[in-house]
N, C-alpha and C. Protein backbone atom coordinates (compact mmCIF):
# COMPACT_ATOMS: atom_id res chain seq x y z
N MET A 1 4.82 234.66 167.05
CA MET A 1 3.84 233.86 167.75
C MET A 1 2.91 233.20 166.72
N LEU A 2 2.63 231.93 166.93
CA LEU A 2 1.76 231.18 166.03
C LEU A 2 0.32 231.68 166.18
N ALA A 3 -0.27 232.09 165.08
CA ALA A 3 -1.65 232.59 165.10
C ALA A 3 -2.60 231.39 165.06
N LEU A 4 -3.34 231.20 166.13
CA LEU A 4 -4.25 230.07 166.24
C LEU A 4 -5.70 230.53 166.14
N LYS A 5 -6.52 229.70 165.52
CA LYS A 5 -7.97 229.90 165.51
C LYS A 5 -8.54 228.69 166.23
N LEU A 6 -9.26 228.95 167.31
CA LEU A 6 -9.80 227.87 168.13
C LEU A 6 -11.28 227.67 167.86
N GLY A 7 -11.68 226.42 167.75
CA GLY A 7 -13.08 226.06 167.60
C GLY A 7 -13.43 225.03 168.66
N GLU A 8 -14.61 224.51 168.59
CA GLU A 8 -15.02 223.52 169.56
C GLU A 8 -14.39 222.17 169.19
N GLY A 9 -13.32 221.83 169.88
CA GLY A 9 -12.64 220.56 169.64
C GLY A 9 -11.59 220.59 168.55
N TRP A 10 -11.27 221.77 168.01
CA TRP A 10 -10.24 221.85 166.96
C TRP A 10 -9.44 223.14 167.06
N ILE A 11 -8.28 223.11 166.40
CA ILE A 11 -7.38 224.26 166.32
C ILE A 11 -6.94 224.38 164.87
N GLU A 12 -6.91 225.61 164.35
CA GLU A 12 -6.38 225.86 163.01
C GLU A 12 -5.21 226.82 163.09
N PHE A 13 -4.25 226.63 162.19
CA PHE A 13 -3.12 227.54 162.09
C PHE A 13 -2.51 227.41 160.70
N ASN A 14 -1.70 228.40 160.33
CA ASN A 14 -1.03 228.39 159.03
C ASN A 14 0.30 227.67 159.11
N VAL A 15 0.62 226.99 158.03
CA VAL A 15 1.90 226.31 157.87
C VAL A 15 2.55 226.83 156.60
N ARG A 16 3.81 227.16 156.68
CA ARG A 16 4.60 227.52 155.50
C ARG A 16 5.42 226.28 155.14
N LEU A 17 5.06 225.61 154.06
CA LEU A 17 5.65 224.33 153.69
C LEU A 17 6.78 224.52 152.67
N SER A 18 7.89 223.85 152.93
CA SER A 18 9.01 223.83 151.99
C SER A 18 9.22 222.39 151.51
N PRO A 19 8.71 222.07 150.32
CA PRO A 19 8.89 220.72 149.78
C PRO A 19 10.30 220.54 149.22
N ARG A 20 10.62 219.29 148.89
CA ARG A 20 11.92 218.93 148.30
C ARG A 20 13.09 219.31 149.21
N SER A 21 12.89 219.17 150.50
CA SER A 21 13.96 219.43 151.46
C SER A 21 14.77 218.15 151.65
N HIS A 22 15.84 218.24 152.41
CA HIS A 22 16.67 217.07 152.67
C HIS A 22 16.07 216.15 153.72
N ARG A 23 15.14 216.69 154.52
CA ARG A 23 14.52 215.88 155.58
C ARG A 23 13.16 216.46 155.94
N ASP A 24 12.39 215.65 156.64
CA ASP A 24 11.09 216.11 157.14
C ASP A 24 11.31 216.66 158.54
N ALA A 25 10.97 217.92 158.76
CA ALA A 25 11.21 218.54 160.07
C ALA A 25 10.37 219.78 160.25
N ILE A 26 10.06 220.06 161.51
CA ILE A 26 9.42 221.32 161.87
C ILE A 26 10.54 222.27 162.25
N GLU A 27 10.58 223.42 161.60
CA GLU A 27 11.69 224.36 161.73
C GLU A 27 11.40 225.54 162.64
N GLY A 28 10.22 225.61 163.24
CA GLY A 28 9.89 226.75 164.11
C GLY A 28 8.89 227.66 163.43
N LEU A 29 9.00 228.93 163.74
CA LEU A 29 8.04 229.91 163.22
C LEU A 29 8.66 230.78 162.14
N THR A 30 7.84 231.18 161.20
CA THR A 30 8.18 232.20 160.24
C THR A 30 6.99 233.14 160.21
N GLY A 31 7.16 234.31 160.78
CA GLY A 31 6.02 235.21 160.97
C GLY A 31 5.06 234.60 161.96
N ASP A 32 3.78 234.47 161.56
CA ASP A 32 2.80 233.86 162.44
C ASP A 32 2.41 232.45 161.98
N ALA A 33 3.27 231.83 161.15
CA ALA A 33 3.02 230.48 160.64
C ALA A 33 4.11 229.52 161.11
N LEU A 34 3.76 228.26 161.14
CA LEU A 34 4.71 227.21 161.48
C LEU A 34 5.47 226.83 160.20
N LYS A 35 6.79 226.79 160.26
CA LYS A 35 7.58 226.42 159.10
C LYS A 35 7.89 224.93 159.16
N VAL A 36 7.53 224.21 158.10
CA VAL A 36 7.73 222.77 158.02
C VAL A 36 8.42 222.44 156.71
N ARG A 37 9.43 221.59 156.80
CA ARG A 37 10.13 221.10 155.60
C ARG A 37 9.80 219.63 155.40
N VAL A 38 9.58 219.25 154.16
CA VAL A 38 9.36 217.84 153.82
C VAL A 38 10.21 217.47 152.61
N SER A 39 10.61 216.22 152.54
CA SER A 39 11.46 215.78 151.43
C SER A 39 10.63 215.50 150.17
N ALA A 40 9.35 215.29 150.33
CA ALA A 40 8.49 214.97 149.18
C ALA A 40 8.34 216.17 148.25
N ALA A 41 8.16 215.84 146.97
CA ALA A 41 7.90 216.87 145.96
C ALA A 41 6.42 217.23 145.97
N PRO A 42 6.08 218.44 145.52
CA PRO A 42 4.68 218.84 145.47
C PRO A 42 3.96 218.27 144.25
N VAL A 43 3.96 216.95 144.15
CA VAL A 43 3.36 216.26 143.02
C VAL A 43 2.41 215.20 143.55
N ASP A 44 1.22 215.11 142.96
CA ASP A 44 0.23 214.10 143.35
C ASP A 44 -0.04 214.08 144.85
N ASN A 45 -0.10 215.26 145.47
CA ASN A 45 -0.43 215.41 146.88
C ASN A 45 0.63 214.85 147.83
N ALA A 46 1.79 214.48 147.32
CA ALA A 46 2.83 213.87 148.15
C ALA A 46 3.34 214.80 149.24
N ALA A 47 3.54 216.07 148.94
CA ALA A 47 4.03 217.02 149.95
C ALA A 47 2.98 217.25 151.03
N ASN A 48 1.71 217.32 150.64
CA ASN A 48 0.64 217.49 151.63
C ASN A 48 0.56 216.27 152.56
N ASP A 49 0.66 215.08 151.99
CA ASP A 49 0.65 213.86 152.80
C ASP A 49 1.84 213.83 153.75
N ALA A 50 3.00 214.25 153.27
CA ALA A 50 4.19 214.29 154.11
C ALA A 50 4.04 215.31 155.24
N LEU A 51 3.38 216.43 154.94
CA LEU A 51 3.12 217.43 155.98
C LEU A 51 2.27 216.82 157.09
N VAL A 52 1.20 216.14 156.74
CA VAL A 52 0.33 215.53 157.75
C VAL A 52 1.11 214.50 158.57
N ARG A 53 1.91 213.66 157.92
CA ARG A 53 2.71 212.66 158.64
C ARG A 53 3.70 213.32 159.59
N THR A 54 4.35 214.40 159.13
CA THR A 54 5.34 215.10 159.94
C THR A 54 4.69 215.72 161.17
N LEU A 55 3.54 216.35 160.99
CA LEU A 55 2.82 216.94 162.12
C LEU A 55 2.35 215.86 163.09
N ALA A 56 1.81 214.77 162.57
CA ALA A 56 1.33 213.68 163.42
C ALA A 56 2.46 213.12 164.28
N ARG A 57 3.61 212.93 163.68
CA ARG A 57 4.76 212.40 164.41
C ARG A 57 5.23 213.39 165.47
N ALA A 58 5.34 214.67 165.12
CA ALA A 58 5.83 215.68 166.06
C ALA A 58 4.86 215.91 167.21
N LEU A 59 3.57 215.80 166.93
CA LEU A 59 2.56 216.07 167.94
C LEU A 59 2.12 214.82 168.69
N ASP A 60 2.61 213.65 168.24
CA ASP A 60 2.19 212.37 168.82
C ASP A 60 0.67 212.31 168.83
N HIS A 61 0.10 212.56 167.64
CA HIS A 61 -1.35 212.65 167.48
C HIS A 61 -1.72 211.91 166.19
N PRO A 62 -2.89 211.29 166.11
CA PRO A 62 -3.26 210.51 164.92
C PRO A 62 -3.35 211.36 163.64
N LYS A 63 -2.86 210.78 162.55
CA LYS A 63 -2.95 211.46 161.25
C LYS A 63 -4.40 211.75 160.87
N SER A 64 -5.31 210.89 161.29
CA SER A 64 -6.72 211.06 160.92
C SER A 64 -7.34 212.31 161.53
N SER A 65 -6.71 212.88 162.54
CA SER A 65 -7.26 214.09 163.17
C SER A 65 -6.61 215.37 162.64
N ILE A 66 -5.74 215.23 161.63
CA ILE A 66 -5.05 216.37 161.04
C ILE A 66 -5.48 216.50 159.58
N SER A 67 -5.92 217.69 159.21
CA SER A 67 -6.34 217.89 157.83
C SER A 67 -5.89 219.26 157.33
N ILE A 68 -5.69 219.32 156.03
CA ILE A 68 -5.37 220.58 155.37
C ILE A 68 -6.70 221.14 154.88
N VAL A 69 -7.07 222.31 155.39
CA VAL A 69 -8.38 222.88 155.06
C VAL A 69 -8.28 224.06 154.11
N GLY A 70 -7.07 224.45 153.75
CA GLY A 70 -6.89 225.54 152.80
C GLY A 70 -5.48 225.56 152.25
N GLY A 71 -5.33 226.03 151.03
CA GLY A 71 -4.01 226.16 150.42
C GLY A 71 -3.42 224.86 149.92
N HIS A 72 -4.25 223.97 149.44
CA HIS A 72 -3.78 222.65 149.01
C HIS A 72 -2.67 222.72 147.96
N SER A 73 -2.70 223.70 147.09
CA SER A 73 -1.67 223.80 146.05
C SER A 73 -0.74 224.99 146.29
N SER A 74 -0.75 225.52 147.49
CA SER A 74 0.09 226.66 147.84
C SER A 74 1.13 226.24 148.88
N ARG A 75 2.18 227.02 149.01
CA ARG A 75 3.17 226.75 150.07
C ARG A 75 2.62 227.11 151.44
N THR A 76 1.71 228.09 151.49
CA THR A 76 1.08 228.45 152.76
C THR A 76 -0.24 227.71 152.85
N LYS A 77 -0.35 226.88 153.87
CA LYS A 77 -1.51 226.03 154.04
C LYS A 77 -2.20 226.32 155.36
N ARG A 78 -3.48 226.02 155.42
CA ARG A 78 -4.25 226.14 156.65
C ARG A 78 -4.50 224.72 157.14
N VAL A 79 -4.04 224.42 158.36
CA VAL A 79 -4.14 223.07 158.92
C VAL A 79 -5.10 223.09 160.09
N ARG A 80 -5.93 222.06 160.18
CA ARG A 80 -6.85 221.90 161.30
C ARG A 80 -6.50 220.60 162.02
N ILE A 81 -6.42 220.70 163.35
CA ILE A 81 -6.15 219.54 164.19
C ILE A 81 -7.29 219.40 165.18
N SER A 82 -7.88 218.22 165.21
CA SER A 82 -8.97 217.94 166.14
C SER A 82 -8.46 217.16 167.34
N GLY A 83 -9.08 217.43 168.49
CA GLY A 83 -8.79 216.64 169.68
C GLY A 83 -7.49 216.93 170.37
N LEU A 84 -6.96 218.13 170.21
CA LEU A 84 -5.70 218.52 170.86
C LEU A 84 -5.88 219.92 171.43
N SER A 85 -5.50 220.10 172.68
CA SER A 85 -5.66 221.42 173.30
C SER A 85 -4.61 222.39 172.80
N GLU A 86 -4.89 223.67 172.96
CA GLU A 86 -3.93 224.70 172.57
C GLU A 86 -2.62 224.52 173.34
N ARG A 87 -2.73 224.27 174.61
CA ARG A 87 -1.54 224.10 175.46
C ARG A 87 -0.70 222.91 174.98
N ALA A 88 -1.36 221.77 174.73
CA ALA A 88 -0.65 220.58 174.26
C ALA A 88 0.02 220.84 172.91
N LEU A 89 -0.68 221.52 172.01
CA LEU A 89 -0.12 221.83 170.70
C LEU A 89 1.16 222.65 170.85
N LEU A 90 1.09 223.72 171.59
CA LEU A 90 2.26 224.59 171.74
C LEU A 90 3.41 223.90 172.46
N GLU A 91 3.10 223.12 173.47
CA GLU A 91 4.16 222.39 174.19
C GLU A 91 4.83 221.37 173.28
N ARG A 92 4.05 220.62 172.54
CA ARG A 92 4.61 219.56 171.67
C ARG A 92 5.41 220.16 170.51
N LEU A 93 5.08 221.38 170.11
CA LEU A 93 5.85 222.05 169.06
C LEU A 93 7.05 222.80 169.64
N GLY A 94 7.16 222.82 170.96
CA GLY A 94 8.27 223.52 171.61
C GLY A 94 8.12 225.02 171.57
N LEU A 95 6.89 225.51 171.53
CA LEU A 95 6.63 226.94 171.43
C LEU A 95 6.13 227.52 172.74
N GLY A 96 6.16 226.78 173.82
CA GLY A 96 5.68 227.29 175.10
C GLY A 96 4.17 227.33 175.13
N THR A 97 3.62 228.02 176.10
CA THR A 97 2.17 228.07 176.25
C THR A 97 1.62 229.47 175.98
N GLY A 98 2.35 230.26 175.23
CA GLY A 98 1.83 231.56 174.84
C GLY A 98 2.16 232.55 175.84
């Protein structure tokens, strides 16, 4: 189950990022984190930017409302999304409603 931290108007959760993959995709859960693969290399913030683009596309949500708030140089990152409900997040990720 994805471990969520809820705030007023935002949601945070962990992402386990795999850079240098063959494609950009959300792969489901690994432990309590969302597993995401991106084709970008972890150089000059390219993998982090690809992560934000991949999440924005999958969630049909603006990139400007998605930010990495922890783990910028780590494979495990903390992501914050503003303006999206817990239910919408889980449904759009295909994880049900808890």
